[in-house]
């Protein structure tokens, strides 16, 4: 059974940086899209960034220029480098792996807390 294991969350001051990682345990291949979502208290979960198997990246406007998503297909791992963090970035961050087509799949991580506060 495949599980996504996240790490790297924590407490950081405004302007600081964190790097989130999400690795798949178990056998998994041909992931079309890897992404990071977040959910702040009282708000809906939103897509923060995604990266396709071809390396195409997409970001929400609020994090453009501050966050960078990357993936290592050999390790089935996705990363999110977060710089210049703001209190508004405080949320639980979830990773997501999707494969489309006949053998579709959709896996979620358990979530990791990111708190930006002085």
C-alpha atoms as a PDB file:
ATOM      1  CA  UNK A   1       0.000   0.000   0.000  1.00  0.00           C
ATOM      2  CA  UNK A   2       1.372   3.390  -0.986  1.00  0.00           C
ATOM      3  CA  UNK A   3       1.676   6.173   1.553  1.00  0.00           C
ATOM      4  CA  UNK A   4       2.913   9.711   1.120  1.00  0.00           C
ATOM      5  CA  UNK A   5       5.142  10.824   3.978  1.00  0.00           C
ATOM      6  CA  UNK A   6       5.707  14.548   4.463  1.00  0.00           C
ATOM      7  CA  UNK A   7       8.410  16.310   6.430  1.00  0.00           C
ATOM      8  CA  UNK A   8       9.907  19.751   6.879  1.00  0.00           C
ATOM      9  CA  UNK A   9       7.116  21.732   8.476  1.00  0.00           C
ATOM     10  CA  UNK A  10       7.535  23.822  11.602  1.00  0.00           C
ATOM     11  CA  UNK A  11       7.564  27.272  13.138  1.00  0.00           C
ATOM     12  CA  UNK A  12       9.446  30.039  11.360  1.00  0.00           C
ATOM     13  CA  UNK A  13       9.624  33.808  11.668  1.00  0.00           C
ATOM     14  CA  UNK A  14       8.290  36.074   8.916  1.00  0.00           C
ATOM     15  CA  UNK A  15      10.844  36.319   6.138  1.00  0.00           C
ATOM     16  CA  UNK A  16      12.255  32.905   6.927  1.00  0.00           C
ATOM     17  CA  UNK A  17      12.430  29.743   4.839  1.00  0.00           C
ATOM     18  CA  UNK A  18      11.304  26.141   5.032  1.00  0.00           C
ATOM     19  CA  UNK A  19      11.652  23.189   2.694  1.00  0.00           C
ATOM     20  CA  UNK A  20       8.900  20.599   2.606  1.00  0.00           C
ATOM     21  CA  UNK A  21       9.467  17.089   1.307  1.00  0.00           C
ATOM     22  CA  UNK A  22       6.990  14.383   0.401  1.00  0.00           C
ATOM     23  CA  UNK A  23       8.123  10.864  -0.425  1.00  0.00           C
ATOM     24  CA  UNK A  24       6.064   7.889  -1.519  1.00  0.00           C
ATOM     25  CA  UNK A  25       6.586   4.638   0.327  1.00  0.00           C
ATOM     26  CA  UNK A  26       5.785   1.502  -1.578  1.00  0.00           C
ATOM     27  CA  UNK A  27       5.779   0.823  -5.285  1.00  0.00           C
ATOM     28  CA  UNK A  28       4.487   3.648  -7.408  1.00  0.00           C
ATOM     29  CA  UNK A  29       5.332   4.900 -10.886  1.00  0.00           C
ATOM     30  CA  UNK A  30       4.298   7.236 -13.686  1.00  0.00           C
ATOM     31  CA  UNK A  31       2.933  10.041 -11.555  1.00  0.00           C
ATOM     32  CA  UNK A  32       1.490  12.647 -13.903  1.00  0.00           C
ATOM     33  CA  UNK A  33       1.182  15.510 -11.432  1.00  0.00           C
ATOM     34  CA  UNK A  34       2.679  16.129  -8.008  1.00  0.00           C
ATOM     35  CA  UNK A  35       1.324  19.015  -6.023  1.00  0.00           C
ATOM     36  CA  UNK A  36       1.208  20.854  -2.742  1.00  0.00           C
ATOM     37  CA  UNK A  37      -2.059  22.061  -1.225  1.00  0.00           C
ATOM     38  CA  UNK A  38      -2.686  23.968   1.969  1.00  0.00           C
ATOM     39  CA  UNK A  39      -5.573  24.567   4.297  1.00  0.00           C
ATOM     40  CA  UNK A  40      -5.688  27.405   6.796  1.00  0.00           C
ATOM     41  CA  UNK A  41      -8.148  27.425   9.720  1.00  0.00           C
ATOM     42  CA  UNK A  42     -11.641  28.256   8.538  1.00  0.00           C
ATOM     43  CA  UNK A  43     -10.658  28.162   4.870  1.00  0.00           C
ATOM     44  CA  UNK A  44     -10.946  25.666   2.052  1.00  0.00           C
ATOM     45  CA  UNK A  45      -8.010  23.615   0.901  1.00  0.00           C
ATOM     46  CA  UNK A  46      -6.256  25.299  -2.022  1.00  0.00           C
ATOM     47  CA  UNK A  47      -3.667  24.242  -4.545  1.00  0.00           C
ATOM     48  CA  UNK A  48      -0.396  26.064  -3.915  1.00  0.00           C
ATOM     49  CA  UNK A  49       1.870  24.608  -6.568  1.00  0.00           C
ATOM     50  CA  UNK A  50       2.046  21.692  -8.958  1.00  0.00           C
ATOM     51  CA  UNK A  51       4.557  20.086 -11.285  1.00  0.00           C
ATOM     52  CA  UNK A  52       3.914  17.712 -14.152  1.00  0.00           C
ATOM     53  CA  UNK A  53       6.002  14.737 -15.230  1.00  0.00           C
ATOM     54  CA  UNK A  54       7.361  16.973 -17.978  1.00  0.00           C
ATOM     55  CA  UNK A  55       8.506  19.597 -15.499  1.00  0.00           C
ATOM     56  CA  UNK A  56       5.806  22.199 -16.100  1.00  0.00           C
ATOM     57  CA  UNK A  57       5.227  24.216 -12.941  1.00  0.00           C
ATOM     58  CA  UNK A  58       2.211  26.189 -11.805  1.00  0.00           C
ATOM     59  CA  UNK A  59       1.802  28.416  -8.748  1.00  0.00           C
ATOM     60  CA  UNK A  60      -0.933  30.464  -7.195  1.00  0.00           C
ATOM     61  CA  UNK A  61      -0.229  34.178  -7.542  1.00  0.00           C
ATOM     62  CA  UNK A  62       0.359  34.725  -3.813  1.00  0.00           C
ATOM     63  CA  UNK A  63       3.434  32.470  -3.736  1.00  0.00           C
ATOM     64  CA  UNK A  64       4.962  33.258  -7.128  1.00  0.00           C
ATOM     65  CA  UNK A  65       8.551  34.337  -6.760  1.00  0.00           C
ATOM     66  CA  UNK A  66       8.738  32.978  -3.214  1.00  0.00           C
ATOM     67  CA  UNK A  67       7.998  29.235  -3.519  1.00  0.00           C
ATOM     68  CA  UNK A  68       9.632  26.687  -5.796  1.00  0.00           C
ATOM     69  CA  UNK A  69       8.313  23.196  -6.450  1.00  0.00           C
ATOM     70  CA  UNK A  70      10.549  20.401  -7.718  1.00  0.00           C
ATOM     71  CA  UNK A  71      10.399  16.646  -8.051  1.00  0.00           C
ATOM     72  CA  UNK A  72      12.741  13.681  -8.131  1.00  0.00           C
ATOM     73  CA  UNK A  73      11.073  10.943 -10.150  1.00  0.00           C
ATOM     74  CA  UNK A  74      13.675   8.338  -9.255  1.00  0.00           C
ATOM     75  CA  UNK A  75      12.863   8.848  -5.589  1.00  0.00           C
ATOM     76  CA  UNK A  76       9.132   9.511  -6.067  1.00  0.00           C
ATOM     77  CA  UNK A  77       9.592  12.676  -4.057  1.00  0.00           C
ATOM     78  CA  UNK A  78       8.289  16.204  -4.407  1.00  0.00           C
ATOM     79  CA  UNK A  79       9.711  19.267  -2.677  1.00  0.00           C
ATOM     80  CA  UNK A  80       8.465  22.735  -1.888  1.00  0.00           C
ATOM     81  CA  UNK A  81      11.069  25.383  -1.128  1.00  0.00           C
ATOM     82  CA  UNK A  82       9.357  28.270   0.643  1.00  0.00           C
ATOM     83  CA  UNK A  83      11.208  31.558   1.013  1.00  0.00           C
ATOM     84  CA  UNK A  84      10.178  34.977   2.322  1.00  0.00           C
ATOM     85  CA  UNK A  85       7.420  33.357   4.334  1.00  0.00           C
ATOM     86  CA  UNK A  86       4.521  35.481   5.504  1.00  0.00           C
ATOM     87  CA  UNK A  87       2.040  34.958   8.354  1.00  0.00           C
ATOM     88  CA  UNK A  88      -0.601  34.396   5.671  1.00  0.00           C
ATOM     89  CA  UNK A  89       1.285  31.248   4.620  1.00  0.00           C
ATOM     90  CA  UNK A  90       0.374  29.601   7.924  1.00  0.00           C
ATOM     91  CA  UNK A  91      -1.561  26.418   7.167  1.00  0.00           C
ATOM     92  CA  UNK A  92      -1.427  22.662   7.070  1.00  0.00           C
ATOM     93  CA  UNK A  93       0.355  21.658   3.867  1.00  0.00           C
ATOM     94  CA  UNK A  94      -0.607  18.457   2.036  1.00  0.00           C
ATOM     95  CA  UNK A  95       1.156  16.763  -0.832  1.00  0.00           C
ATOM     96  CA  UNK A  96      -0.756  15.024  -3.595  1.00  0.00           C
ATOM     97  CA  UNK A  97       0.203  12.560  -6.333  1.00  0.00           C
ATOM     98  CA  UNK A  98      -2.077  11.957  -9.298  1.00  0.00           C
ATOM     99  CA  UNK A  99      -1.972   9.664 -12.300  1.00  0.00           C
ATOM    100  CA  UNK A 100      -4.605  10.037 -14.981  1.00  0.00           C
ATOM    101  CA  UNK A 101      -6.086   7.634 -17.470  1.00  0.00           C
ATOM    102  CA  UNK A 102      -7.220   4.050 -17.034  1.00  0.00           C
ATOM    103  CA  UNK A 103      -4.892   3.308 -14.116  1.00  0.00           C
ATOM    104  CA  UNK A 104      -5.666   6.521 -12.350  1.00  0.00           C
ATOM    105  CA  UNK A 105      -4.650   7.185  -8.780  1.00  0.00           C
ATOM    106  CA  UNK A 106      -4.917  10.006  -6.292  1.00  0.00           C
ATOM    107  CA  UNK A 107      -2.848   9.882  -3.101  1.00  0.00           C
ATOM    108  CA  UNK A 108      -2.643  12.400  -0.264  1.00  0.00           C
ATOM    109  CA  UNK A 109      -0.120  12.957   2.461  1.00  0.00           C
ATOM    110  CA  UNK A 110      -1.134  13.281   6.097  1.00  0.00           C
ATOM    111  CA  UNK A 111      -0.314  16.992   6.240  1.00  0.00           C
ATOM    112  CA  UNK A 112       2.422  19.000   7.885  1.00  0.00           C
ATOM    113  CA  UNK A 113       1.917  22.187   9.879  1.00  0.00           C
ATOM    114  CA  UNK A 114       3.640  25.377   8.770  1.00  0.00           C
ATOM    115  CA  UNK A 115       3.383  28.315  11.166  1.00  0.00           C
ATOM    116  CA  UNK A 116       4.822  31.718  10.320  1.00  0.00           C
ATOM    117  CA  UNK A 117       4.910  33.924  13.373  1.00  0.00           C
ATOM    118  CA  UNK A 118       7.212  36.208  15.305  1.00  0.00           C
END
